[in-house]
Amino acid sequence: MEIKRLVNDKVLWDSFCEVVDEYIAFTHKQLEQMPDPTDFHRLQGEVKAYRKLKQLRDKVNGETREKK
């Protein structure tokens, strides 16, 4: 499975996490400037999705406990 290669290659995984962290930081900046509640909730969901991506390693490698 190709995803296993991503999550188990430390250099590749760390690079992936850096990119996801940049997306999270950018989305937080957007949240700070968002006047519309609908868009605010959409952006909160976006951050949640990015955080789920960072939990991918645990999910792929079989860890059942979910971190919040």
N, C-alpha and C. Protein backbone atom coordinates (compact mmCIF):
# COMPACT_ATOMS: atom_id res chain seq x y z
N MET A 1 0.85 -1.18 0.00
CA MET A 1 0.00 0.00 0.00
C MET A 1 0.89 1.24 0.00
N GLU A 2 0.61 2.16 -0.89
CA GLU A 2 1.43 3.36 -1.04
C GLU A 2 1.35 4.28 0.18
N ILE A 3 0.24 4.29 0.87
CA ILE A 3 0.11 5.15 2.04
C ILE A 3 1.07 4.71 3.13
N LYS A 4 1.29 3.41 3.25
CA LYS A 4 2.24 2.91 4.25
C LYS A 4 3.63 3.49 4.00
N ARG A 5 3.99 3.62 2.75
CA ARG A 5 5.30 4.19 2.43
C ARG A 5 5.38 5.64 2.92
N LEU A 6 4.31 6.40 2.72
CA LEU A 6 4.28 7.80 3.18
C LEU A 6 4.43 7.87 4.70
N VAL A 7 3.64 7.11 5.43
CA VAL A 7 3.62 7.26 6.88
C VAL A 7 4.81 6.63 7.58
N ASN A 8 5.49 5.70 6.92
CA ASN A 8 6.62 5.03 7.56
C ASN A 8 7.98 5.55 7.11
N ASP A 9 8.02 6.44 6.15
CA ASP A 9 9.26 7.08 5.73
C ASP A 9 9.37 8.40 6.51
N LYS A 10 10.27 8.45 7.49
CA LYS A 10 10.35 9.60 8.40
C LYS A 10 10.53 10.93 7.67
N VAL A 11 11.43 10.97 6.71
CA VAL A 11 11.68 12.23 5.99
C VAL A 11 10.44 12.66 5.22
N LEU A 12 9.83 11.72 4.53
CA LEU A 12 8.63 12.02 3.75
C LEU A 12 7.48 12.42 4.67
N TRP A 13 7.29 11.69 5.77
CA TRP A 13 6.21 11.99 6.71
C TRP A 13 6.40 13.37 7.35
N ASP A 14 7.63 13.67 7.76
CA ASP A 14 7.90 14.98 8.37
C ASP A 14 7.62 16.11 7.38
N SER A 15 7.99 15.91 6.12
CA SER A 15 7.71 16.92 5.09
C SER A 15 6.21 17.09 4.89
N PHE A 16 5.50 15.98 4.87
CA PHE A 16 4.05 16.02 4.73
C PHE A 16 3.42 16.79 5.90
N CYS A 17 3.86 16.50 7.11
CA CYS A 17 3.33 17.18 8.29
C CYS A 17 3.63 18.67 8.27
N GLU A 18 4.79 19.05 7.76
CA GLU A 18 5.13 20.47 7.64
C GLU A 18 4.15 21.19 6.73
N VAL A 19 3.84 20.56 5.60
CA VAL A 19 2.90 21.15 4.65
C VAL A 19 1.52 21.27 5.29
N VAL A 20 1.08 20.22 5.98
CA VAL A 20 -0.23 20.25 6.64
C VAL A 20 -0.25 21.35 7.71
N ASP A 21 0.84 21.50 8.46
CA ASP A 21 0.91 22.56 9.47
C ASP A 21 0.82 23.95 8.83
N GLU A 22 1.42 24.12 7.66
CA GLU A 22 1.32 25.40 6.95
C GLU A 22 -0.13 25.68 6.55
N TYR A 23 -0.83 24.65 6.08
CA TYR A 23 -2.24 24.81 5.72
C TYR A 23 -3.07 25.17 6.95
N ILE A 24 -2.78 24.54 8.07
CA ILE A 24 -3.51 24.83 9.31
C ILE A 24 -3.26 26.28 9.73
N ALA A 25 -2.02 26.72 9.68
CA ALA A 25 -1.69 28.10 10.05
C ALA A 25 -2.39 29.10 9.14
N PHE A 26 -2.41 28.82 7.84
CA PHE A 26 -3.08 29.71 6.89
C PHE A 26 -4.58 29.76 7.17
N THR A 27 -5.17 28.61 7.47
CA THR A 27 -6.61 28.54 7.74
C THR A 27 -6.93 29.28 9.04
N HIS A 28 -6.04 29.20 10.04
CA HIS A 28 -6.26 29.95 11.29
C HIS A 28 -6.27 31.46 11.01
N LYS A 29 -5.40 31.92 10.13
CA LYS A 29 -5.40 33.34 9.76
C LYS A 29 -6.71 33.73 9.11
N GLN A 30 -7.23 32.84 8.25
CA GLN A 30 -8.51 33.11 7.62
C GLN A 30 -9.63 33.15 8.65
N LEU A 31 -9.58 32.26 9.63
CA LEU A 31 -10.59 32.21 10.69
C LEU A 31 -10.64 33.52 11.46
N GLU A 32 -9.47 34.09 11.72
CA GLU A 32 -9.40 35.33 12.48
C GLU A 32 -10.06 36.50 11.76
N GLN A 33 -10.15 36.41 10.44
CA GLN A 33 -10.68 37.52 9.65
C GLN A 33 -12.07 37.25 9.10
N MET A 34 -12.69 36.14 9.49
CA MET A 34 -13.94 35.71 8.90
C MET A 34 -15.15 36.31 9.62
N PRO A 35 -15.91 37.19 8.96
CA PRO A 35 -17.09 37.77 9.59
C PRO A 35 -18.34 36.88 9.46
N ASP A 36 -18.38 36.04 8.43
CA ASP A 36 -19.56 35.23 8.14
C ASP A 36 -19.54 33.91 8.91
N PRO A 37 -20.55 33.65 9.73
CA PRO A 37 -20.56 32.41 10.54
C PRO A 37 -20.52 31.13 9.69
N THR A 38 -21.14 31.16 8.52
CA THR A 38 -21.14 29.97 7.67
C THR A 38 -19.72 29.64 7.22
N ASP A 39 -19.00 30.65 6.77
CA ASP A 39 -17.61 30.43 6.35
C ASP A 39 -16.74 30.06 7.54
N PHE A 40 -17.03 30.63 8.70
CA PHE A 40 -16.28 30.31 9.91
C PHE A 40 -16.38 28.81 10.22
N HIS A 41 -17.59 28.28 10.14
CA HIS A 41 -17.79 26.85 10.41
C HIS A 41 -17.12 25.98 9.35
N ARG A 42 -17.15 26.44 8.12
CA ARG A 42 -16.50 25.70 7.04
C ARG A 42 -14.99 25.62 7.29
N LEU A 43 -14.41 26.73 7.71
CA LEU A 43 -12.98 26.76 7.98
C LEU A 43 -12.62 25.91 9.20
N GLN A 44 -13.51 25.87 10.20
CA GLN A 44 -13.26 24.99 11.34
C GLN A 44 -13.22 23.54 10.89
N GLY A 45 -14.11 23.17 9.98
CA GLY A 45 -14.11 21.82 9.43
C GLY A 45 -12.86 21.52 8.64
N GLU A 46 -12.36 22.54 7.96
CA GLU A 46 -11.12 22.40 7.19
C GLU A 46 -9.94 22.08 8.12
N VAL A 47 -9.85 22.80 9.22
CA VAL A 47 -8.78 22.55 10.19
C VAL A 47 -8.91 21.14 10.76
N LYS A 48 -10.13 20.73 11.05
CA LYS A 48 -10.36 19.38 11.57
C LYS A 48 -9.88 18.32 10.57
N ALA A 49 -10.16 18.54 9.30
CA ALA A 49 -9.72 17.61 8.27
C ALA A 49 -8.19 17.55 8.19
N TYR A 50 -7.54 18.70 8.28
CA TYR A 50 -6.07 18.71 8.27
C TYR A 50 -5.50 17.95 9.46
N ARG A 51 -6.11 18.12 10.61
CA ARG A 51 -5.63 17.42 11.81
C ARG A 51 -5.82 15.91 11.67
N LYS A 52 -6.90 15.51 11.01
CA LYS A 52 -7.13 14.08 10.75
C LYS A 52 -6.02 13.51 9.86
N LEU A 53 -5.57 14.31 8.91
CA LEU A 53 -4.48 13.85 8.04
C LEU A 53 -3.21 13.58 8.86
N LYS A 54 -2.99 14.40 9.89
CA LYS A 54 -1.81 14.20 10.73
C LYS A 54 -1.92 12.96 11.60
N GLN A 55 -3.13 12.41 11.74
CA GLN A 55 -3.35 11.18 12.50
C GLN A 55 -3.29 9.94 11.60
N LEU A 56 -3.05 10.16 10.33
CA LEU A 56 -3.05 9.08 9.35
C LEU A 56 -2.06 7.97 9.68
N ARG A 57 -0.90 8.35 10.19
CA ARG A 57 0.13 7.35 10.53
C ARG A 57 -0.41 6.33 11.53
N ASP A 58 -1.05 6.81 12.58
CA ASP A 58 -1.59 5.91 13.59
C ASP A 58 -2.67 5.00 13.01
N LYS A 59 -3.52 5.56 12.18
CA LYS A 59 -4.61 4.79 11.59
C LYS A 59 -4.06 3.70 10.65
N VAL A 60 -3.12 4.07 9.80
CA VAL A 60 -2.57 3.12 8.84
C VAL A 60 -1.79 2.00 9.53
N ASN A 61 -1.08 2.36 10.58
CA ASN A 61 -0.26 1.37 11.26
C ASN A 61 -1.03 0.59 12.32
N GLY A 62 -2.34 0.80 12.40
CA GLY A 62 -3.17 -0.04 13.23
C GLY A 62 -3.46 0.42 14.63
N GLU A 63 -3.05 1.61 14.98
CA GLU A 63 -3.37 2.10 16.33
C GLU A 63 -4.83 2.50 16.35
N THR A 64 -5.61 1.94 17.29
CA THR A 64 -7.05 2.17 17.30
C THR A 64 -7.44 3.38 18.14
N ARG A 65 -6.58 3.78 19.05
CA ARG A 65 -6.88 4.92 19.91
C ARG A 65 -6.82 6.20 19.10
N GLU A 66 -7.84 7.04 19.22
CA GLU A 66 -7.87 8.30 18.48
C GLU A 66 -7.47 9.45 19.39
N LYS A 67 -6.55 10.30 18.94
CA LYS A 67 -6.10 11.47 19.71
C LYS A 67 -6.96 12.65 19.37
N LYS A 68 -7.20 13.50 20.34
CA LYS A 68 -7.99 14.72 20.08
C LYS A 68 -7.12 15.93 20.10
